[in-house]
C-alpha atoms as a PDB file:
ATOM      1  CA  UNK A   1       7.607  -0.966  45.553  1.00  0.00           C
ATOM      2  CA  UNK A   2      10.907  -2.124  44.079  1.00  0.00           C
ATOM      3  CA  UNK A   3       9.070  -3.639  41.109  1.00  0.00           C
ATOM      4  CA  UNK A   4       7.363  -0.324  40.346  1.00  0.00           C
ATOM      5  CA  UNK A   5      10.658   1.578  40.456  1.00  0.00           C
ATOM      6  CA  UNK A   6      12.310  -1.083  38.296  1.00  0.00           C
ATOM      7  CA  UNK A   7       9.437  -0.928  35.780  1.00  0.00           C
ATOM      8  CA  UNK A   8       9.656   2.886  35.623  1.00  0.00           C
ATOM      9  CA  UNK A   9      13.426   2.770  35.111  1.00  0.00           C
ATOM     10  CA  UNK A  10      13.076   0.141  32.389  1.00  0.00           C
ATOM     11  CA  UNK A  11      10.388   2.198  30.648  1.00  0.00           C
ATOM     12  CA  UNK A  12      12.594   5.300  30.810  1.00  0.00           C
ATOM     13  CA  UNK A  13      15.593   3.427  29.384  1.00  0.00           C
ATOM     14  CA  UNK A  14      13.457   1.998  26.563  1.00  0.00           C
ATOM     15  CA  UNK A  15      12.121   5.466  25.772  1.00  0.00           C
ATOM     16  CA  UNK A  16      15.658   6.874  25.593  1.00  0.00           C
ATOM     17  CA  UNK A  17      16.648   3.962  23.334  1.00  0.00           C
ATOM     18  CA  UNK A  18      13.715   4.582  20.986  1.00  0.00           C
ATOM     19  CA  UNK A  19      14.592   8.282  20.707  1.00  0.00           C
ATOM     20  CA  UNK A  20      18.196   7.296  19.992  1.00  0.00           C
ATOM     21  CA  UNK A  21      17.133   4.866  17.266  1.00  0.00           C
ATOM     22  CA  UNK A  22      14.682   7.315  15.680  1.00  0.00           C
ATOM     23  CA  UNK A  23      17.070  10.268  15.519  1.00  0.00           C
ATOM     24  CA  UNK A  24      20.491   8.613  15.712  1.00  0.00           C
ATOM     25  CA  UNK A  25      23.304  10.900  14.642  1.00  0.00           C
ATOM     26  CA  UNK A  26      20.897  13.817  14.189  1.00  0.00           C
ATOM     27  CA  UNK A  27      21.041  14.362  17.946  1.00  0.00           C
ATOM     28  CA  UNK A  28      24.626  15.618  17.699  1.00  0.00           C
ATOM     29  CA  UNK A  29      24.150  17.911  14.683  1.00  0.00           C
ATOM     30  CA  UNK A  30      23.043  20.907  16.730  1.00  0.00           C
ATOM     31  CA  UNK A  31      24.473  22.430  19.887  1.00  0.00           C
ATOM     32  CA  UNK A  32      21.223  21.918  21.774  1.00  0.00           C
ATOM     33  CA  UNK A  33      18.848  19.387  20.191  1.00  0.00           C
ATOM     34  CA  UNK A  34      16.168  19.788  22.901  1.00  0.00           C
ATOM     35  CA  UNK A  35      14.246  22.654  21.171  1.00  0.00           C
ATOM     36  CA  UNK A  36      14.304  20.731  17.885  1.00  0.00           C
ATOM     37  CA  UNK A  37      13.075  17.515  19.508  1.00  0.00           C
ATOM     38  CA  UNK A  38      10.349  19.475  21.310  1.00  0.00           C
ATOM     39  CA  UNK A  39       9.234  20.995  18.003  1.00  0.00           C
ATOM     40  CA  UNK A  40       9.264  17.538  16.377  1.00  0.00           C
ATOM     41  CA  UNK A  41       7.044  16.170  19.157  1.00  0.00           C
ATOM     42  CA  UNK A  42       4.609  19.063  18.636  1.00  0.00           C
ATOM     43  CA  UNK A  43       4.705  18.434  14.876  1.00  0.00           C
ATOM     44  CA  UNK A  44       3.861  14.765  15.392  1.00  0.00           C
ATOM     45  CA  UNK A  45       0.947  15.612  17.687  1.00  0.00           C
ATOM     46  CA  UNK A  46      -0.681  18.169  15.370  1.00  0.00           C
ATOM     47  CA  UNK A  47      -1.938  18.298  11.799  1.00  0.00           C
ATOM     48  CA  UNK A  48       0.304  21.240  10.906  1.00  0.00           C
ATOM     49  CA  UNK A  49       2.884  20.714   8.207  1.00  0.00           C
ATOM     50  CA  UNK A  50       5.586  22.592  10.127  1.00  0.00           C
ATOM     51  CA  UNK A  51       6.524  23.681  13.626  1.00  0.00           C
ATOM     52  CA  UNK A  52       8.579  26.672  14.743  1.00  0.00           C
ATOM     53  CA  UNK A  53      11.727  25.924  16.721  1.00  0.00           C
ATOM     54  CA  UNK A  54      12.016  28.321  19.670  1.00  0.00           C
ATOM     55  CA  UNK A  55      15.171  30.270  20.587  1.00  0.00           C
ATOM     56  CA  UNK A  56      16.870  30.046  17.199  1.00  0.00           C
ATOM     57  CA  UNK A  57      19.899  32.296  16.763  1.00  0.00           C
ATOM     58  CA  UNK A  58      19.950  32.289  12.958  1.00  0.00           C
ATOM     59  CA  UNK A  59      16.649  33.740  11.769  1.00  0.00           C
ATOM     60  CA  UNK A  60      13.388  31.927  12.335  1.00  0.00           C
ATOM     61  CA  UNK A  61      13.865  28.161  12.204  1.00  0.00           C
ATOM     62  CA  UNK A  62      11.176  25.578  11.424  1.00  0.00           C
ATOM     63  CA  UNK A  63      11.028  21.797  11.195  1.00  0.00           C
ATOM     64  CA  UNK A  64       8.797  19.797   8.856  1.00  0.00           C
ATOM     65  CA  UNK A  65       8.453  16.450   7.154  1.00  0.00           C
ATOM     66  CA  UNK A  66       9.296  16.122   3.462  1.00  0.00           C
ATOM     67  CA  UNK A  67       6.344  15.531   1.150  1.00  0.00           C
ATOM     68  CA  UNK A  68       6.750  12.806  -1.491  1.00  0.00           C
ATOM     69  CA  UNK A  69       5.545  14.929  -4.405  1.00  0.00           C
ATOM     70  CA  UNK A  70       7.239  18.182  -3.381  1.00  0.00           C
ATOM     71  CA  UNK A  71       9.676  17.881  -0.469  1.00  0.00           C
ATOM     72  CA  UNK A  72       9.672  21.635   0.142  1.00  0.00           C
ATOM     73  CA  UNK A  73       5.977  22.209  -0.543  1.00  0.00           C
ATOM     74  CA  UNK A  74       5.358  23.164   3.086  1.00  0.00           C
ATOM     75  CA  UNK A  75       7.959  25.947   2.873  1.00  0.00           C
ATOM     76  CA  UNK A  76       6.559  27.253  -0.405  1.00  0.00           C
ATOM     77  CA  UNK A  77       3.003  27.251   0.927  1.00  0.00           C
ATOM     78  CA  UNK A  78       4.044  28.968   4.166  1.00  0.00           C
ATOM     79  CA  UNK A  79       5.797  31.802   2.347  1.00  0.00           C
ATOM     80  CA  UNK A  80       3.025  32.116  -0.228  1.00  0.00           C
ATOM     81  CA  UNK A  81       0.729  32.964   2.691  1.00  0.00           C
ATOM     82  CA  UNK A  82       3.258  35.628   3.726  1.00  0.00           C
ATOM     83  CA  UNK A  83       3.028  37.187   0.251  1.00  0.00           C
ATOM     84  CA  UNK A  84       6.220  35.759  -1.261  1.00  0.00           C
ATOM     85  CA  UNK A  85       6.395  33.862  -4.548  1.00  0.00           C
ATOM     86  CA  UNK A  86       8.733  30.958  -5.211  1.00  0.00           C
ATOM     87  CA  UNK A  87      11.269  31.692  -7.936  1.00  0.00           C
ATOM     88  CA  UNK A  88      13.675  28.733  -8.077  1.00  0.00           C
ATOM     89  CA  UNK A  89      15.701  26.207  -6.139  1.00  0.00           C
ATOM     90  CA  UNK A  90      19.493  26.351  -6.044  1.00  0.00           C
ATOM     91  CA  UNK A  91      20.851  23.326  -4.223  1.00  0.00           C
ATOM     92  CA  UNK A  92      19.337  23.316  -0.761  1.00  0.00           C
ATOM     93  CA  UNK A  93      18.327  26.976  -0.992  1.00  0.00           C
ATOM     94  CA  UNK A  94      14.865  28.103  -2.065  1.00  0.00           C
ATOM     95  CA  UNK A  95      14.701  31.564  -3.623  1.00  0.00           C
ATOM     96  CA  UNK A  96      11.617  33.702  -3.032  1.00  0.00           C
ATOM     97  CA  UNK A  97      10.742  37.188  -4.202  1.00  0.00           C
ATOM     98  CA  UNK A  98       8.206  39.894  -3.433  1.00  0.00           C
ATOM     99  CA  UNK A  99       8.222  43.137  -5.427  1.00  0.00           C
ATOM    100  CA  UNK A 100      11.935  44.052  -5.676  1.00  0.00           C
ATOM    101  CA  UNK A 101      13.063  41.967  -2.705  1.00  0.00           C
ATOM    102  CA  UNK A 102      14.639  38.524  -2.918  1.00  0.00           C
ATOM    103  CA  UNK A 103      15.778  36.164  -0.195  1.00  0.00           C
ATOM    104  CA  UNK A 104      16.896  32.562   0.232  1.00  0.00           C
ATOM    105  CA  UNK A 105      15.424  30.012   2.618  1.00  0.00           C
ATOM    106  CA  UNK A 106      18.141  27.605   3.704  1.00  0.00           C
ATOM    107  CA  UNK A 107      17.001  24.004   4.087  1.00  0.00           C
ATOM    108  CA  UNK A 108      18.819  20.957   5.360  1.00  0.00           C
ATOM    109  CA  UNK A 109      18.023  17.380   6.192  1.00  0.00           C
ATOM    110  CA  UNK A 110      17.940  16.845   9.964  1.00  0.00           C
ATOM    111  CA  UNK A 111      17.148  13.144   9.921  1.00  0.00           C
ATOM    112  CA  UNK A 112      15.588  10.652   7.559  1.00  0.00           C
ATOM    113  CA  UNK A 113      12.147  11.908   8.569  1.00  0.00           C
ATOM    114  CA  UNK A 114      12.579  15.674   9.083  1.00  0.00           C
ATOM    115  CA  UNK A 115      14.253  18.713   7.618  1.00  0.00           C
ATOM    116  CA  UNK A 116      15.009  22.159   9.031  1.00  0.00           C
ATOM    117  CA  UNK A 117      14.540  25.472   7.249  1.00  0.00           C
ATOM    118  CA  UNK A 118      15.603  28.989   8.173  1.00  0.00           C
ATOM    119  CA  UNK A 119      13.617  32.053   7.166  1.00  0.00           C
ATOM    120  CA  UNK A 120      15.238  35.486   7.586  1.00  0.00           C
ATOM    121  CA  UNK A 121      13.321  37.556  10.154  1.00  0.00           C
ATOM    122  CA  UNK A 122      12.892  40.462   7.738  1.00  0.00           C
ATOM    123  CA  UNK A 123      10.952  38.186   5.365  1.00  0.00           C
ATOM    124  CA  UNK A 124       8.214  37.730   7.959  1.00  0.00           C
ATOM    125  CA  UNK A 125       7.642  41.442   8.698  1.00  0.00           C
END
């Protein structure tokens, strides 16, 4: 019985260590990294190019992996489906327009493997 408990504890500690190595300092970037890590796990387990992060206070937040050819291609494709057209990139902001409306999607690197992007709620109506 003691060996089973010891094996479970060792497995748990190794799992925590692997998460720490994979995400490193990214874990302390946000107030609560749990929703982001949950979204990343869902992203890894599906074929989708992005995953919505629940309970975001600043608009609608998504996580995705950068594409080699076009790092923000997932964002552009997502908003194209919503009827928006990509205009230009200014730094880490992507500018989209539809009719007379314009808005900026803020992007930022979360870790070496993932980036976060915020879409204003009014853009998805």
